[in-house]
Amino acid sequence: MMTDPIADMLTRIRNAVQVERAYVEMPTSKMKEGIAAALKREGYIWDHEVVEAQPQNVLRIHLKYGQAGEKVITKLVRESKPGRRVYVGVDSIPRVLGGMGTAVLSTTRGIMSSREAKKDNVGGELLCTIY
């Protein structure tokens, strides 16, 4: 039994980026789809799609690399964990790498990046940081 599916998702992405895979697949959930959508809006991945499969649908994330093959995702860290939840208000949303990175939050308005949360003036659970 998996206790933290989001940490598993982030680990799969990290491992796939390290070996320069074109895409990575994992069991899907609404939370994972929301995180993938936020990563796409911020430009860290090309695309994501849900592939119909049995017994469970699969989330396929198409990874993004630079012109010369450099990694777009260099670090992906899980912040809020099942044993230690991290909640932030709109004023305490962290600036990741001096504004060069992004934090992903779960808010009352859905999963969004730190930039979107500040624009909408909402805080929430700090899921992960990426740069």
N, C-alpha and C. Protein backbone atom coordinates (compact mmCIF):
# COMPACT_ATOMS: atom_id res chain seq x y z
N MET A 1 0.84 -1.18 0.00
CA MET A 1 0.00 0.00 0.00
C MET A 1 0.89 1.25 0.00
N MET A 2 0.54 2.19 -0.85
CA MET A 2 1.32 3.42 -0.98
C MET A 2 0.75 4.47 -0.01
N THR A 3 1.61 5.07 0.82
CA THR A 3 1.13 6.04 1.79
C THR A 3 1.15 7.47 1.26
N ASP A 4 1.99 7.75 0.27
CA ASP A 4 2.08 9.11 -0.27
C ASP A 4 2.18 9.08 -1.79
N PRO A 5 1.03 9.05 -2.48
CA PRO A 5 1.06 8.96 -3.94
C PRO A 5 1.68 10.18 -4.63
N ILE A 6 1.61 11.35 -4.00
CA ILE A 6 2.21 12.55 -4.60
C ILE A 6 3.73 12.44 -4.59
N ALA A 7 4.29 11.95 -3.48
CA ALA A 7 5.74 11.74 -3.41
C ALA A 7 6.18 10.71 -4.45
N ASP A 8 5.36 9.68 -4.66
CA ASP A 8 5.66 8.68 -5.68
C ASP A 8 5.66 9.32 -7.07
N MET A 9 4.70 10.20 -7.33
CA MET A 9 4.63 10.90 -8.62
C MET A 9 5.88 11.74 -8.85
N LEU A 10 6.27 12.52 -7.84
CA LEU A 10 7.44 13.38 -7.97
C LEU A 10 8.71 12.56 -8.16
N THR A 11 8.82 11.43 -7.47
CA THR A 11 9.98 10.55 -7.62
C THR A 11 10.04 9.96 -9.02
N ARG A 12 8.90 9.56 -9.56
CA ARG A 12 8.87 9.02 -10.93
C ARG A 12 9.32 10.08 -11.93
N ILE A 13 8.87 11.32 -11.75
CA ILE A 13 9.27 12.41 -12.65
C ILE A 13 10.77 12.66 -12.53
N ARG A 14 11.29 12.74 -11.29
CA ARG A 14 12.73 12.95 -11.07
C ARG A 14 13.55 11.86 -11.73
N ASN A 15 13.16 10.60 -11.54
CA ASN A 15 13.90 9.48 -12.12
C ASN A 15 13.86 9.51 -13.65
N ALA A 16 12.71 9.84 -14.23
CA ALA A 16 12.59 9.89 -15.69
C ALA A 16 13.42 11.02 -16.27
N VAL A 17 13.48 12.15 -15.59
CA VAL A 17 14.29 13.28 -16.06
C VAL A 17 15.77 12.91 -16.01
N GLN A 18 16.19 12.20 -14.96
CA GLN A 18 17.59 11.81 -14.82
C GLN A 18 18.07 10.94 -15.98
N VAL A 19 17.20 10.05 -16.46
CA VAL A 19 17.59 9.17 -17.57
C VAL A 19 17.08 9.68 -18.91
N GLU A 20 16.57 10.94 -18.92
CA GLU A 20 16.15 11.65 -20.13
C GLU A 20 15.08 10.91 -20.93
N ARG A 21 14.07 10.43 -20.24
CA ARG A 21 12.93 9.79 -20.89
C ARG A 21 12.05 10.85 -21.55
N ALA A 22 11.32 10.44 -22.57
CA ALA A 22 10.41 11.37 -23.25
C ALA A 22 9.13 11.57 -22.43
N TYR A 23 8.70 10.53 -21.74
CA TYR A 23 7.50 10.63 -20.91
C TYR A 23 7.60 9.67 -19.74
N VAL A 24 6.72 9.85 -18.78
CA VAL A 24 6.65 8.99 -17.61
C VAL A 24 5.18 8.67 -17.35
N GLU A 25 4.90 7.45 -16.91
CA GLU A 25 3.52 7.02 -16.64
C GLU A 25 3.37 6.64 -15.18
N MET A 26 2.16 6.87 -14.66
CA MET A 26 1.86 6.53 -13.27
C MET A 26 0.35 6.38 -13.12
N PRO A 27 -0.11 5.71 -12.06
CA PRO A 27 -1.55 5.64 -11.81
C PRO A 27 -2.11 7.05 -11.63
N THR A 28 -3.31 7.29 -12.13
CA THR A 28 -3.85 8.64 -12.13
C THR A 28 -4.74 8.91 -10.91
N SER A 29 -4.87 10.18 -10.58
CA SER A 29 -5.83 10.67 -9.60
C SER A 29 -6.08 12.14 -9.93
N LYS A 30 -7.13 12.70 -9.36
CA LYS A 30 -7.46 14.11 -9.63
C LYS A 30 -6.34 15.03 -9.12
N MET A 31 -5.75 14.68 -7.97
CA MET A 31 -4.67 15.49 -7.41
C MET A 31 -3.46 15.47 -8.33
N LYS A 32 -3.08 14.30 -8.85
CA LYS A 32 -1.93 14.20 -9.75
C LYS A 32 -2.19 14.94 -11.05
N GLU A 33 -3.42 14.87 -11.56
CA GLU A 33 -3.77 15.60 -12.78
C GLU A 33 -3.66 17.11 -12.55
N GLY A 34 -4.07 17.57 -11.37
CA GLY A 34 -3.97 18.98 -11.04
C GLY A 34 -2.52 19.45 -10.95
N ILE A 35 -1.67 18.63 -10.35
CA ILE A 35 -0.24 18.98 -10.25
C ILE A 35 0.37 19.03 -11.64
N ALA A 36 0.04 18.04 -12.49
CA ALA A 36 0.57 18.01 -13.85
C ALA A 36 0.10 19.24 -14.64
N ALA A 37 -1.15 19.63 -14.45
CA ALA A 37 -1.67 20.82 -15.15
C ALA A 37 -0.93 22.08 -14.70
N ALA A 38 -0.64 22.18 -13.40
CA ALA A 38 0.11 23.34 -12.90
C ALA A 38 1.52 23.35 -13.46
N LEU A 39 2.17 22.19 -13.55
CA LEU A 39 3.52 22.11 -14.12
C LEU A 39 3.51 22.49 -15.59
N LYS A 40 2.44 22.13 -16.31
CA LYS A 40 2.34 22.50 -17.72
C LYS A 40 2.15 24.01 -17.88
N ARG A 41 1.28 24.59 -17.05
CA ARG A 41 1.05 26.04 -17.13
C ARG A 41 2.32 26.83 -16.83
N GLU A 42 3.18 26.30 -15.97
CA GLU A 42 4.43 26.98 -15.63
C GLU A 42 5.57 26.64 -16.59
N GLY A 43 5.35 25.72 -17.53
CA GLY A 43 6.34 25.43 -18.56
C GLY A 43 7.37 24.38 -18.21
N TYR A 44 7.11 23.55 -17.19
CA TYR A 44 8.07 22.52 -16.79
C TYR A 44 7.89 21.21 -17.55
N ILE A 45 6.70 20.98 -18.13
CA ILE A 45 6.46 19.78 -18.93
C ILE A 45 5.77 20.20 -20.22
N TRP A 46 5.85 19.32 -21.25
CA TRP A 46 5.18 19.61 -22.52
C TRP A 46 3.68 19.46 -22.39
N ASP A 47 3.26 18.30 -21.87
CA ASP A 47 1.84 17.98 -21.84
C ASP A 47 1.60 16.84 -20.87
N HIS A 48 0.34 16.61 -20.58
CA HIS A 48 -0.06 15.43 -19.80
C HIS A 48 -1.38 14.93 -20.36
N GLU A 49 -1.60 13.63 -20.21
CA GLU A 49 -2.83 13.04 -20.71
C GLU A 49 -3.18 11.83 -19.86
N VAL A 50 -4.47 11.50 -19.84
CA VAL A 50 -4.93 10.32 -19.13
C VAL A 50 -5.17 9.24 -20.17
N VAL A 51 -4.49 8.11 -20.00
CA VAL A 51 -4.61 6.98 -20.92
C VAL A 51 -5.53 5.95 -20.29
N GLU A 52 -6.58 5.58 -21.02
CA GLU A 52 -7.51 4.57 -20.51
C GLU A 52 -6.82 3.22 -20.46
N ALA A 53 -6.81 2.59 -19.30
CA ALA A 53 -6.17 1.29 -19.13
C ALA A 53 -6.92 0.52 -18.05
N GLN A 54 -6.71 -0.77 -18.02
CA GLN A 54 -7.31 -1.61 -16.99
C GLN A 54 -6.21 -2.13 -16.09
N PRO A 55 -6.34 -2.22 -14.82
CA PRO A 55 -7.54 -1.94 -14.02
C PRO A 55 -7.69 -0.47 -13.64
N GLN A 56 -6.66 0.35 -13.84
CA GLN A 56 -6.73 1.77 -13.47
C GLN A 56 -6.17 2.62 -14.60
N ASN A 57 -6.76 3.79 -14.80
CA ASN A 57 -6.25 4.70 -15.82
C ASN A 57 -4.85 5.18 -15.46
N VAL A 58 -4.10 5.57 -16.49
CA VAL A 58 -2.69 5.95 -16.32
C VAL A 58 -2.53 7.41 -16.73
N LEU A 59 -1.79 8.16 -15.92
CA LEU A 59 -1.44 9.54 -16.25
C LEU A 59 -0.09 9.52 -16.94
N ARG A 60 -0.03 10.03 -18.17
CA ARG A 60 1.22 10.09 -18.93
C ARG A 60 1.66 11.56 -19.00
N ILE A 61 2.86 11.82 -18.49
CA ILE A 61 3.42 13.17 -18.49
C ILE A 61 4.56 13.22 -19.49
N HIS A 62 4.45 14.11 -20.47
CA HIS A 62 5.49 14.28 -21.48
C HIS A 62 6.48 15.32 -20.97
N LEU A 63 7.71 14.90 -20.75
CA LEU A 63 8.73 15.75 -20.14
C LEU A 63 9.32 16.72 -21.15
N LYS A 64 9.88 17.81 -20.64
CA LYS A 64 10.40 18.87 -21.49
C LYS A 64 11.90 19.02 -21.27
N TYR A 65 12.63 19.21 -22.36
CA TYR A 65 14.07 19.43 -22.31
C TYR A 65 14.39 20.65 -23.17
N GLY A 66 15.55 21.28 -22.92
CA GLY A 66 15.95 22.46 -23.67
C GLY A 66 16.45 22.12 -25.06
N GLN A 67 16.88 23.13 -25.82
CA GLN A 67 17.36 22.97 -27.19
C GLN A 67 18.52 21.99 -27.27
N ALA A 68 19.46 22.09 -26.33
CA ALA A 68 20.64 21.23 -26.35
C ALA A 68 20.46 19.99 -25.47
N GLY A 69 19.23 19.70 -25.07
CA GLY A 69 18.96 18.53 -24.25
C GLY A 69 19.10 18.76 -22.76
N GLU A 70 19.28 20.03 -22.33
CA GLU A 70 19.42 20.29 -20.90
C GLU A 70 18.07 20.10 -20.20
N LYS A 71 18.13 19.72 -18.95
CA LYS A 71 16.92 19.42 -18.18
C LYS A 71 16.21 20.71 -17.78
N VAL A 72 14.91 20.76 -17.99
CA VAL A 72 14.10 21.89 -17.55
C VAL A 72 13.84 21.77 -16.05
N ILE A 73 13.62 20.53 -15.58
CA ILE A 73 13.41 20.27 -14.15
C ILE A 73 14.75 19.83 -13.56
N THR A 74 15.31 20.64 -12.68
CA THR A 74 16.57 20.25 -12.03
C THR A 74 16.33 19.73 -10.62
N LYS A 75 15.32 20.25 -9.94
CA LYS A 75 15.03 19.78 -8.59
C LYS A 75 13.52 19.83 -8.35
N LEU A 76 13.02 18.78 -7.73
CA LEU A 76 11.60 18.63 -7.45
C LEU A 76 11.49 18.09 -6.03
N VAL A 77 10.95 18.89 -5.10
CA VAL A 77 10.97 18.52 -3.68
C VAL A 77 9.55 18.50 -3.12
N ARG A 78 9.21 17.42 -2.41
CA ARG A 78 7.92 17.32 -1.72
C ARG A 78 8.03 18.10 -0.42
N GLU A 79 7.14 19.05 -0.19
CA GLU A 79 7.20 19.90 1.01
C GLU A 79 6.25 19.41 2.09
N SER A 80 4.96 19.31 1.79
CA SER A 80 3.96 18.86 2.75
C SER A 80 3.84 17.35 2.63
N LYS A 81 3.98 16.66 3.76
CA LYS A 81 3.96 15.20 3.76
C LYS A 81 2.80 14.72 4.62
N PRO A 82 2.41 13.45 4.51
CA PRO A 82 1.30 12.96 5.34
C PRO A 82 1.53 13.13 6.84
N GLY A 83 2.77 13.03 7.29
CA GLY A 83 3.05 13.17 8.72
C GLY A 83 3.32 14.60 9.15
N ARG A 84 3.53 15.51 8.20
CA ARG A 84 3.84 16.90 8.53
C ARG A 84 3.29 17.79 7.42
N ARG A 85 2.06 18.19 7.58
CA ARG A 85 1.42 19.05 6.59
C ARG A 85 1.96 20.47 6.72
N VAL A 86 2.16 21.13 5.59
CA VAL A 86 2.67 22.50 5.59
C VAL A 86 1.63 23.39 4.90
N TYR A 87 1.09 24.34 5.67
CA TYR A 87 0.11 25.28 5.15
C TYR A 87 0.71 26.67 5.13
N VAL A 88 0.43 27.42 4.09
CA VAL A 88 0.96 28.78 3.98
C VAL A 88 -0.18 29.74 3.61
N GLY A 89 -0.10 30.93 4.18
CA GLY A 89 -1.01 32.00 3.79
C GLY A 89 -0.48 32.68 2.54
N VAL A 90 -1.27 33.55 1.97
CA VAL A 90 -0.84 34.22 0.74
C VAL A 90 0.42 35.05 0.97
N ASP A 91 0.59 35.60 2.18
CA ASP A 91 1.76 36.42 2.47
C ASP A 91 3.02 35.59 2.72
N SER A 92 2.85 34.30 3.03
CA SER A 92 4.03 33.47 3.33
C SER A 92 4.29 32.41 2.26
N ILE A 93 3.75 32.59 1.06
CA ILE A 93 4.08 31.68 -0.05
C ILE A 93 5.55 31.88 -0.39
N PRO A 94 6.34 30.81 -0.38
CA PRO A 94 7.79 30.98 -0.56
C PRO A 94 8.17 31.37 -1.98
N ARG A 95 9.24 32.15 -2.07
CA ARG A 95 9.87 32.45 -3.36
C ARG A 95 10.92 31.37 -3.57
N VAL A 96 10.72 30.54 -4.55
CA VAL A 96 11.62 29.42 -4.80
C VAL A 96 12.76 29.90 -5.69
N LEU A 97 13.98 29.72 -5.25
CA LEU A 97 15.18 30.09 -5.98
C LEU A 97 15.13 31.56 -6.42
N GLY A 98 14.71 32.42 -5.49
CA GLY A 98 14.66 33.85 -5.78
C GLY A 98 13.67 34.22 -6.87
N GLY A 99 12.61 33.43 -7.03
CA GLY A 99 11.61 33.71 -8.04
C GLY A 99 11.81 32.94 -9.34
N MET A 100 12.92 32.21 -9.45
CA MET A 100 13.19 31.43 -10.67
C MET A 100 12.46 30.08 -10.65
N GLY A 101 12.06 29.62 -9.48
CA GLY A 101 11.36 28.35 -9.35
C GLY A 101 9.89 28.57 -9.06
N THR A 102 9.18 27.48 -8.80
CA THR A 102 7.75 27.54 -8.57
C THR A 102 7.38 26.62 -7.42
N ALA A 103 6.41 27.05 -6.63
CA ALA A 103 5.81 26.19 -5.62
C ALA A 103 4.43 25.79 -6.13
N VAL A 104 3.99 24.58 -5.80
CA VAL A 104 2.67 24.11 -6.19
C VAL A 104 1.84 23.98 -4.92
N LEU A 105 0.66 24.61 -4.91
CA LEU A 105 -0.20 24.63 -3.73
C LEU A 105 -1.55 24.01 -4.03
N SER A 106 -2.14 23.41 -3.00
CA SER A 106 -3.51 22.94 -3.07
C SER A 106 -4.36 23.96 -2.32
N THR A 107 -5.20 24.67 -3.03
CA THR A 107 -5.99 25.75 -2.44
C THR A 107 -7.47 25.40 -2.52
N THR A 108 -8.30 26.28 -1.97
CA THR A 108 -9.74 26.08 -2.05
C THR A 108 -10.24 26.24 -3.49
N ARG A 109 -9.44 26.87 -4.33
CA ARG A 109 -9.80 27.06 -5.74
C ARG A 109 -9.11 26.04 -6.65
N GLY A 110 -8.55 24.99 -6.07
CA GLY A 110 -7.89 23.95 -6.86
C GLY A 110 -6.38 24.02 -6.71
N ILE A 111 -5.70 23.17 -7.46
CA ILE A 111 -4.24 23.12 -7.40
C ILE A 111 -3.69 24.18 -8.35
N MET A 112 -2.77 25.00 -7.84
CA MET A 112 -2.21 26.07 -8.65
C MET A 112 -0.78 26.36 -8.24
N SER A 113 -0.09 27.07 -9.11
CA SER A 113 1.29 27.46 -8.84
C SER A 113 1.30 28.64 -7.87
N SER A 114 2.47 28.93 -7.32
CA SER A 114 2.60 30.04 -6.38
C SER A 114 2.26 31.37 -7.05
N ARG A 115 2.62 31.52 -8.29
CA ARG A 115 2.32 32.75 -9.03
C ARG A 115 0.80 32.94 -9.15
N GLU A 116 0.09 31.87 -9.50
CA GLU A 116 -1.37 31.94 -9.64
C GLU A 116 -2.04 32.19 -8.28
N ALA A 117 -1.51 31.55 -7.22
CA ALA A 117 -2.09 31.72 -5.88
C ALA A 117 -1.93 33.16 -5.40
N LYS A 118 -0.77 33.76 -5.65
CA LYS A 118 -0.56 35.15 -5.25
C LYS A 118 -1.48 36.08 -6.03
N LYS A 119 -1.67 35.78 -7.31
CA LYS A 119 -2.55 36.61 -8.15
C LYS A 119 -4.00 36.52 -7.66
N ASP A 120 -4.44 35.29 -7.27
CA ASP A 120 -5.80 35.09 -6.79
C ASP A 120 -5.95 35.39 -5.30
N ASN A 121 -4.84 35.74 -4.62
CA ASN A 121 -4.84 36.10 -3.21
C ASN A 121 -5.36 34.96 -2.32
N VAL A 122 -4.86 33.73 -2.55
CA VAL A 122 -5.23 32.58 -1.73
C VAL A 122 -3.98 31.84 -1.27
N GLY A 123 -4.08 31.23 -0.11
CA GLY A 123 -3.02 30.36 0.41
C GLY A 123 -3.53 28.93 0.37
N GLY A 124 -2.75 28.01 0.95
CA GLY A 124 -3.18 26.63 0.98
C GLY A 124 -2.06 25.71 1.41
N GLU A 125 -2.21 24.44 1.09
CA GLU A 125 -1.20 23.45 1.45
C GLU A 125 -0.07 23.49 0.42
N LEU A 126 1.16 23.62 0.89
CA LEU A 126 2.34 23.68 0.02
C LEU A 126 2.72 22.24 -0.35
N LEU A 127 2.38 21.82 -1.57
CA LEU A 127 2.61 20.44 -1.99
C LEU A 127 4.07 20.18 -2.34
N CYS A 128 4.64 21.00 -3.23
CA CYS A 128 6.01 20.77 -3.66
C CYS A 128 6.61 22.05 -4.22
N THR A 129 7.94 22.03 -4.35
CA THR A 129 8.65 23.13 -5.01
C THR A 129 9.43 22.53 -6.18
N ILE A 130 9.61 23.33 -7.21
CA ILE A 130 10.26 22.85 -8.42
C ILE A 130 11.11 23.96 -9.03
N TYR A 131 12.28 23.60 -9.52
CA TYR A 131 13.13 24.50 -10.28
C TYR A 131 14.09 23.70 -11.12
